[in-house]
Amino acid sequence: MADSKFRDAEEGSSRLFSQLKESLSTAEQKELLLELESEWDRKYGIFLEYSYCQGLADSPMIHKELEKYGIFRL
């Protein structure tokens, strides 16, 4: 949340989600929206886990490349 671009995107999506939720008229529509939000969160969690694991896997190669330019030293 320290990154202003992330914070702005988070605030924007929260605002739009709230507006959409308020515009829905039936309980079924609202439930479907909450289910959609849950599935998006689940998908985002999988993406974050994959990104983290990929970063760990790529770390030695990245460090090696950075060492070529004197940027990183173990």
PDB file of N, CA and C in Angstrom:
ATOM      1  N   MET A   1       0.819  -1.207   0.000  1.00  0.00           N
ATOM      2  CA  MET A   1       0.000   0.000   0.000  1.00  0.00           C
ATOM      3  C   MET A   1       0.856   1.261   0.000  1.00  0.00           C
ATOM      4  N   ALA A   2       2.171   1.125   0.146  1.00  0.00           N
ATOM      5  CA  ALA A   2       3.036   2.299   0.138  1.00  0.00           C
ATOM      6  C   ALA A   2       3.180   2.864  -1.277  1.00  0.00           C
ATOM      7  N   ASP A   3       2.956   2.059  -2.303  1.00  0.00           N
ATOM      8  CA  ASP A   3       3.074   2.493  -3.688  1.00  0.00           C
ATOM      9  C   ASP A   3       1.825   3.283  -4.071  1.00  0.00           C
ATOM     10  N   SER A   4       2.007   4.523  -4.498  1.00  0.00           N
ATOM     11  CA  SER A   4       0.851   5.384  -4.789  1.00  0.00           C
ATOM     12  C   SER A   4       0.034   4.871  -5.972  1.00  0.00           C
ATOM     13  N   LYS A   5       0.664   4.273  -6.970  1.00  0.00           N
ATOM     14  CA  LYS A   5      -0.086   3.740  -8.109  1.00  0.00           C
ATOM     15  C   LYS A   5      -0.981   2.581  -7.665  1.00  0.00           C
ATOM     16  N   PHE A   6      -0.439   1.705  -6.805  1.00  0.00           N
ATOM     17  CA  PHE A   6      -1.242   0.592  -6.288  1.00  0.00           C
ATOM     18  C   PHE A   6      -2.383   1.123  -5.436  1.00  0.00           C
ATOM     19  N   ARG A   7      -2.088   2.084  -4.586  1.00  0.00           N
ATOM     20  CA  ARG A   7      -3.107   2.659  -3.708  1.00  0.00           C
ATOM     21  C   ARG A   7      -4.220   3.299  -4.537  1.00  0.00           C
ATOM     22  N   ASP A   8      -3.853   4.040  -5.588  1.00  0.00           N
ATOM     23  CA  ASP A   8      -4.849   4.667  -6.455  1.00  0.00           C
ATOM     24  C   ASP A   8      -5.714   3.617  -7.153  1.00  0.00           C
ATOM     25  N   ALA A   9      -5.073   2.551  -7.641  1.00  0.00           N
ATOM     26  CA  ALA A   9      -5.822   1.481  -8.305  1.00  0.00           C
ATOM     27  C   ALA A   9      -6.752   0.786  -7.318  1.00  0.00           C
ATOM     28  N   GLU A  10      -6.272   0.559  -6.112  1.00  0.00           N
ATOM     29  CA  GLU A  10      -7.087  -0.090  -5.079  1.00  0.00           C
ATOM     30  C   GLU A  10      -8.291   0.778  -4.719  1.00  0.00           C
ATOM     31  N   GLU A  11      -8.063   2.063  -4.546  1.00  0.00           N
ATOM     32  CA  GLU A  11      -9.167   2.977  -4.215  1.00  0.00           C
ATOM     33  C   GLU A  11     -10.172   3.047  -5.355  1.00  0.00           C
ATOM     34  N   GLY A  12      -9.669   3.091  -6.594  1.00  0.00           N
ATOM     35  CA  GLY A  12     -10.559   3.146  -7.755  1.00  0.00           C
ATOM     36  C   GLY A  12     -11.407   1.904  -7.887  1.00  0.00           C
ATOM     37  N   SER A  13     -10.785   0.748  -7.722  1.00  0.00           N
ATOM     38  CA  SER A  13     -11.555  -0.491  -7.855  1.00  0.00           C
ATOM     39  C   SER A  13     -12.557  -0.639  -6.715  1.00  0.00           C
ATOM     40  N   SER A  14     -12.185  -0.213  -5.517  1.00  0.00           N
ATOM     41  CA  SER A  14     -13.124  -0.277  -4.385  1.00  0.00           C
ATOM     42  C   SER A  14     -14.318   0.640  -4.612  1.00  0.00           C
ATOM     43  N   ARG A  15     -14.049   1.822  -5.126  1.00  0.00           N
ATOM     44  CA  ARG A  15     -15.118   2.782  -5.401  1.00  0.00           C
ATOM     45  C   ARG A  15     -16.070   2.224  -6.460  1.00  0.00           C
ATOM     46  N   LEU A  16     -15.509   1.686  -7.545  1.00  0.00           N
ATOM     47  CA  LEU A  16     -16.352   1.138  -8.610  1.00  0.00           C
ATOM     48  C   LEU A  16     -17.127  -0.088  -8.144  1.00  0.00           C
ATOM     49  N   PHE A  17     -16.498  -0.921  -7.337  1.00  0.00           N
ATOM     50  CA  PHE A  17     -17.190  -2.092  -6.800  1.00  0.00           C
ATOM     51  C   PHE A  17     -18.386  -1.652  -5.946  1.00  0.00           C
ATOM     52  N   SER A  18     -18.174  -0.646  -5.110  1.00  0.00           N
ATOM     53  CA  SER A  18     -19.257  -0.141  -4.261  1.00  0.00           C
ATOM     54  C   SER A  18     -20.385   0.442  -5.103  1.00  0.00           C
ATOM     55  N   GLN A  19     -20.025   1.195  -6.134  1.00  0.00           N
ATOM     56  CA  GLN A  19     -21.046   1.773  -7.012  1.00  0.00           C
ATOM     57  C   GLN A  19     -21.840   0.673  -7.716  1.00  0.00           C
ATOM     58  N   LEU A  20     -21.140  -0.347  -8.198  1.00  0.00           N
ATOM     59  CA  LEU A  20     -21.825  -1.450  -8.868  1.00  0.00           C
ATOM     60  C   LEU A  20     -22.741  -2.180  -7.895  1.00  0.00           C
ATOM     61  N   LYS A  21     -22.233  -2.451  -6.702  1.00  0.00           N
ATOM     62  CA  LYS A  21     -23.033  -3.151  -5.699  1.00  0.00           C
ATOM     63  C   LYS A  21     -24.298  -2.360  -5.363  1.00  0.00           C
ATOM     64  N   GLU A  22     -24.184  -1.052  -5.228  1.00  0.00           N
ATOM     65  CA  GLU A  22     -25.344  -0.205  -4.913  1.00  0.00           C
ATOM     66  C   GLU A  22     -26.345  -0.175  -6.058  1.00  0.00           C
ATOM     67  N   SER A  23     -25.868  -0.339  -7.287  1.00  0.00           N
ATOM     68  CA  SER A  23     -26.774  -0.258  -8.433  1.00  0.00           C
ATOM     69  C   SER A  23     -27.556  -1.549  -8.675  1.00  0.00           C
ATOM     70  N   LEU A  24     -27.114  -2.639  -8.048  1.00  0.00           N
ATOM     71  CA  LEU A  24     -27.813  -3.908  -8.226  1.00  0.00           C
ATOM     72  C   LEU A  24     -29.109  -3.908  -7.413  1.00  0.00           C
ATOM     73  N   SER A  25     -30.133  -4.528  -7.978  1.00  0.00           N
ATOM     74  CA  SER A  25     -31.444  -4.417  -7.341  1.00  0.00           C
ATOM     75  C   SER A  25     -31.915  -5.685  -6.628  1.00  0.00           C
ATOM     76  N   THR A  26     -31.365  -6.826  -6.959  1.00  0.00           N
ATOM     77  CA  THR A  26     -31.852  -8.047  -6.315  1.00  0.00           C
ATOM     78  C   THR A  26     -30.770  -8.674  -5.438  1.00  0.00           C
ATOM     79  N   ALA A  27     -31.213  -9.463  -4.489  1.00  0.00           N
ATOM     80  CA  ALA A  27     -30.272 -10.164  -3.615  1.00  0.00           C
ATOM     81  C   ALA A  27     -29.415 -11.135  -4.427  1.00  0.00           C
ATOM     82  N   GLU A  28     -30.007 -11.735  -5.433  1.00  0.00           N
ATOM     83  CA  GLU A  28     -29.261 -12.680  -6.273  1.00  0.00           C
ATOM     84  C   GLU A  28     -28.124 -11.970  -7.026  1.00  0.00           C
ATOM     85  N   GLN A  29     -28.410 -10.787  -7.552  1.00  0.00           N
ATOM     86  CA  GLN A  29     -27.375 -10.020  -8.252  1.00  0.00           C
ATOM     87  C   GLN A  29     -26.237  -9.662  -7.300  1.00  0.00           C
ATOM     88  N   LYS A  30     -26.592  -9.235  -6.112  1.00  0.00           N
ATOM     89  CA  LYS A  30     -25.577  -8.855  -5.131  1.00  0.00           C
ATOM     90  C   LYS A  30     -24.743 -10.059  -4.712  1.00  0.00           C
ATOM     91  N   GLU A  31     -25.384 -11.209  -4.554  1.00  0.00           N
ATOM     92  CA  GLU A  31     -24.668 -12.434  -4.197  1.00  0.00           C
ATOM     93  C   GLU A  31     -23.706 -12.839  -5.316  1.00  0.00           C
ATOM     94  N   LEU A  32     -24.168 -12.733  -6.560  1.00  0.00           N
ATOM     95  CA  LEU A  32     -23.299 -13.052  -7.688  1.00  0.00           C
ATOM     96  C   LEU A  32     -22.086 -12.121  -7.742  1.00  0.00           C
ATOM     97  N   LEU A  33     -22.294 -10.862  -7.436  1.00  0.00           N
ATOM     98  CA  LEU A  33     -21.180  -9.913  -7.414  1.00  0.00           C
ATOM     99  C   LEU A  33     -20.168 -10.292  -6.337  1.00  0.00           C
ATOM    100  N   LEU A  34     -20.650 -10.676  -5.166  1.00  0.00           N
ATOM    101  CA  LEU A  34     -19.741 -11.086  -4.092  1.00  0.00           C
ATOM    102  C   LEU A  34     -18.990 -12.367  -4.460  1.00  0.00           C
ATOM    103  N   GLU A  35     -19.669 -13.284  -5.140  1.00  0.00           N
ATOM    104  CA  GLU A  35     -19.009 -14.505  -5.600  1.00  0.00           C
ATOM    105  C   GLU A  35     -17.947 -14.178  -6.645  1.00  0.00           C
ATOM    106  N   LEU A  36     -18.253 -13.247  -7.526  1.00  0.00           N
ATOM    107  CA  LEU A  36     -17.279 -12.823  -8.527  1.00  0.00           C
ATOM    108  C   LEU A  36     -16.052 -12.209  -7.860  1.00  0.00           C
ATOM    109  N   GLU A  37     -16.286 -11.360  -6.878  1.00  0.00           N
ATOM    110  CA  GLU A  37     -15.175 -10.744  -6.153  1.00  0.00           C
ATOM    111  C   GLU A  37     -14.315 -11.816  -5.479  1.00  0.00           C
ATOM    112  N   SER A  38     -14.947 -12.808  -4.901  1.00  0.00           N
ATOM    113  CA  SER A  38     -14.226 -13.885  -4.240  1.00  0.00           C
ATOM    114  C   SER A  38     -13.368 -14.665  -5.235  1.00  0.00           C
ATOM    115  N   GLU A  39     -13.917 -14.954  -6.386  1.00  0.00           N
ATOM    116  CA  GLU A  39     -13.159 -15.684  -7.405  1.00  0.00           C
ATOM    117  C   GLU A  39     -12.003 -14.857  -7.951  1.00  0.00           C
ATOM    118  N   TRP A  40     -12.213 -13.549  -8.116  1.00  0.00           N
ATOM    119  CA  TRP A  40     -11.117 -12.671  -8.547  1.00  0.00           C
ATOM    120  C   TRP A  40     -10.003 -12.668  -7.504  1.00  0.00           C
ATOM    121  N   ASP A  41     -10.377 -12.606  -6.232  1.00  0.00           N
ATOM    122  CA  ASP A  41      -9.379 -12.637  -5.158  1.00  0.00           C
ATOM    123  C   ASP A  41      -8.613 -13.948  -5.166  1.00  0.00           C
ATOM    124  N   ARG A  42      -9.327 -15.046  -5.381  1.00  0.00           N
ATOM    125  CA  ARG A  42      -8.679 -16.361  -5.419  1.00  0.00           C
ATOM    126  C   ARG A  42      -7.708 -16.435  -6.590  1.00  0.00           C
ATOM    127  N   LYS A  43      -8.134 -15.941  -7.747  1.00  0.00           N
ATOM    128  CA  LYS A  43      -7.275 -15.936  -8.932  1.00  0.00           C
ATOM    129  C   LYS A  43      -6.050 -15.052  -8.706  1.00  0.00           C
ATOM    130  N   TYR A  44      -6.254 -13.907  -8.094  1.00  0.00           N
ATOM    131  CA  TYR A  44      -5.155 -12.983  -7.812  1.00  0.00           C
ATOM    132  C   TYR A  44      -4.163 -13.614  -6.838  1.00  0.00           C
ATOM    133  N   GLY A  45      -4.661 -14.354  -5.862  1.00  0.00           N
ATOM    134  CA  GLY A  45      -3.792 -15.042  -4.904  1.00  0.00           C
ATOM    135  C   GLY A  45      -2.904 -16.067  -5.596  1.00  0.00           C
ATOM    136  N   ILE A  46      -3.481 -16.809  -6.547  1.00  0.00           N
ATOM    137  CA  ILE A  46      -2.701 -17.792  -7.300  1.00  0.00           C
ATOM    138  C   ILE A  46      -1.636 -17.082  -8.127  1.00  0.00           C
ATOM    139  N   PHE A  47      -2.004 -15.970  -8.746  1.00  0.00           N
ATOM    140  CA  PHE A  47      -1.046 -15.188  -9.530  1.00  0.00           C
ATOM    141  C   PHE A  47       0.103 -14.691  -8.656  1.00  0.00           C
ATOM    142  N   LEU A  48      -0.206 -14.191  -7.474  1.00  0.00           N
ATOM    143  CA  LEU A  48       0.835 -13.701  -6.575  1.00  0.00           C
ATOM    144  C   LEU A  48       1.766 -14.820  -6.133  1.00  0.00           C
ATOM    145  N   GLU A  49       1.191 -15.972  -5.815  1.00  0.00           N
ATOM    146  CA  GLU A  49       2.015 -17.114  -5.400  1.00  0.00           C
ATOM    147  C   GLU A  49       2.937 -17.540  -6.538  1.00  0.00           C
ATOM    148  N   TYR A  50       2.397 -17.615  -7.748  1.00  0.00           N
ATOM    149  CA  TYR A  50       3.217 -17.986  -8.899  1.00  0.00           C
ATOM    150  C   TYR A  50       4.334 -16.968  -9.113  1.00  0.00           C
ATOM    151  N   SER A  51       4.002 -15.682  -9.039  1.00  0.00           N
ATOM    152  CA  SER A  51       5.000 -14.630  -9.240  1.00  0.00           C
ATOM    153  C   SER A  51       6.109 -14.717  -8.200  1.00  0.00           C
ATOM    154  N   TYR A  52       5.741 -14.962  -6.966  1.00  0.00           N
ATOM    155  CA  TYR A  52       6.726 -15.095  -5.891  1.00  0.00           C
ATOM    156  C   TYR A  52       7.647 -16.284  -6.153  1.00  0.00           C
ATOM    157  N   CYS A  53       7.048 -17.433  -6.483  1.00  0.00           N
ATOM    158  CA  CYS A  53       7.844 -18.637  -6.755  1.00  0.00           C
ATOM    159  C   CYS A  53       8.743 -18.434  -7.968  1.00  0.00           C
ATOM    160  N   GLN A  54       8.233 -17.776  -8.995  1.00  0.00           N
ATOM    161  CA  GLN A  54       9.037 -17.520 -10.182  1.00  0.00           C
ATOM    162  C   GLN A  54      10.186 -16.578  -9.850  1.00  0.00           C
ATOM    163  N   GLY A  55       9.937 -15.600  -9.007  1.00  0.00           N
ATOM    164  CA  GLY A  55      11.000 -14.696  -8.575  1.00  0.00           C
ATOM    165  C   GLY A  55      12.096 -15.432  -7.833  1.00  0.00           C
ATOM    166  N   LEU A  56      11.702 -16.364  -6.976  1.00  0.00           N
ATOM    167  CA  LEU A  56      12.695 -17.179  -6.265  1.00  0.00           C
ATOM    168  C   LEU A  56      13.499 -18.021  -7.245  1.00  0.00           C
ATOM    169  N   ALA A  57      12.816 -18.615  -8.214  1.00  0.00           N
ATOM    170  CA  ALA A  57      13.497 -19.460  -9.194  1.00  0.00           C
ATOM    171  C   ALA A  57      14.451 -18.644 -10.062  1.00  0.00           C
ATOM    172  N   ASP A  58      14.056 -17.421 -10.408  1.00  0.00           N
ATOM    173  CA  ASP A  58      14.874 -16.570 -11.271  1.00  0.00           C
ATOM    174  C   ASP A  58      15.956 -15.813 -10.514  1.00  0.00           C
ATOM    175  N   SER A  59      15.881 -15.796  -9.205  1.00  0.00           N
ATOM    176  CA  SER A  59      16.786 -14.987  -8.400  1.00  0.00           C
ATOM    177  C   SER A  59      18.270 -15.224  -8.700  1.00  0.00           C
ATOM    178  N   PRO A  60      18.751 -16.472  -8.756  1.00  0.00           N
ATOM    179  CA  PRO A  60      20.175 -16.660  -9.048  1.00  0.00           C
ATOM    180  C   PRO A  60      20.580 -16.079 -10.401  1.00  0.00           C
ATOM    181  N   MET A  61      19.731 -16.252 -11.418  1.00  0.00           N
ATOM    182  CA  MET A  61      20.029 -15.712 -12.745  1.00  0.00           C
ATOM    183  C   MET A  61      20.028 -14.188 -12.723  1.00  0.00           C
ATOM    184  N   ILE A  62      19.082 -13.608 -12.022  1.00  0.00           N
ATOM    185  CA  ILE A  62      19.014 -12.145 -11.926  1.00  0.00           C
ATOM    186  C   ILE A  62      20.245 -11.612 -11.203  1.00  0.00           C
ATOM    187  N   HIS A  63      20.617 -12.252 -10.112  1.00  0.00           N
ATOM    188  CA  HIS A  63      21.805 -11.820  -9.367  1.00  0.00           C
ATOM    189  C   HIS A  63      23.051 -11.916 -10.237  1.00  0.00           C
ATOM    190  N   LYS A  64      23.150 -12.979 -11.026  1.00  0.00           N
ATOM    191  CA  LYS A  64      24.305 -13.157 -11.908  1.00  0.00           C
ATOM    192  C   LYS A  64      24.377 -12.019 -12.934  1.00  0.00           C
ATOM    193  N   GLU A  65      23.248 -11.677 -13.513  1.00  0.00           N
ATOM    194  CA  GLU A  65      23.211 -10.580 -14.488  1.00  0.00           C
ATOM    195  C   GLU A  65      23.561  -9.243 -13.834  1.00  0.00           C
ATOM    196  N   LEU A  66      23.033  -9.004 -12.640  1.00  0.00           N
ATOM    197  CA  LEU A  66      23.343  -7.759 -11.937  1.00  0.00           C
ATOM    198  C   LEU A  66      24.827  -7.669 -11.576  1.00  0.00           C
ATOM    199  N   GLU A  67      25.425  -8.809 -11.227  1.00  0.00           N
ATOM    200  CA  GLU A  67      26.852  -8.832 -10.894  1.00  0.00           C
ATOM    201  C   GLU A  67      27.700  -8.422 -12.089  1.00  0.00           C
ATOM    202  N   LYS A  68      27.277  -8.757 -13.306  1.00  0.00           N
ATOM    203  CA  LYS A  68      28.009  -8.377 -14.514  1.00  0.00           C
ATOM    204  C   LYS A  68      28.205  -6.863 -14.592  1.00  0.00           C
ATOM    205  N   TYR A  69      27.243  -6.135 -14.062  1.00  0.00           N
ATOM    206  CA  TYR A  69      27.273  -4.678 -14.143  1.00  0.00           C
ATOM    207  C   TYR A  69      27.691  -4.045 -12.820  1.00  0.00           C
ATOM    208  N   GLY A  70      28.127  -4.879 -11.877  1.00  0.00           N
ATOM    209  CA  GLY A  70      28.582  -4.370 -10.590  1.00  0.00           C
ATOM    210  C   GLY A  70      27.490  -3.825  -9.715  1.00  0.00           C
ATOM    211  N   ILE A  71      26.256  -4.225  -9.976  1.00  0.00           N
ATOM    212  CA  ILE A  71      25.124  -3.702  -9.227  1.00  0.00           C
ATOM    213  C   ILE A  71      24.852  -4.525  -7.976  1.00  0.00           C
ATOM    214  N   PHE A  72      25.123  -5.814  -8.065  1.00  0.00           N
ATOM    215  CA  PHE A  72      24.784  -6.705  -6.958  1.00  0.00           C
ATOM    216  C   PHE A  72      25.958  -7.605  -6.669  1.00  0.00           C
ATOM    217  N   ARG A  73      26.243  -7.779  -5.389  1.00  0.00           N
ATOM    218  CA  ARG A  73      27.316  -8.688  -5.000  1.00  0.00           C
ATOM    219  C   ARG A  73      26.814  -9.560  -3.844  1.00  0.00           C
ATOM    220  N   LEU A  74      27.061 -10.854  -3.943  1.00  0.00           N
ATOM    221  CA  LEU A  74      26.683 -11.765  -2.846  1.00  0.00           C
ATOM    222  C   LEU A  74      27.706 -11.743  -1.768  1.00  0.00           C
TER     223      LEU A  74
END
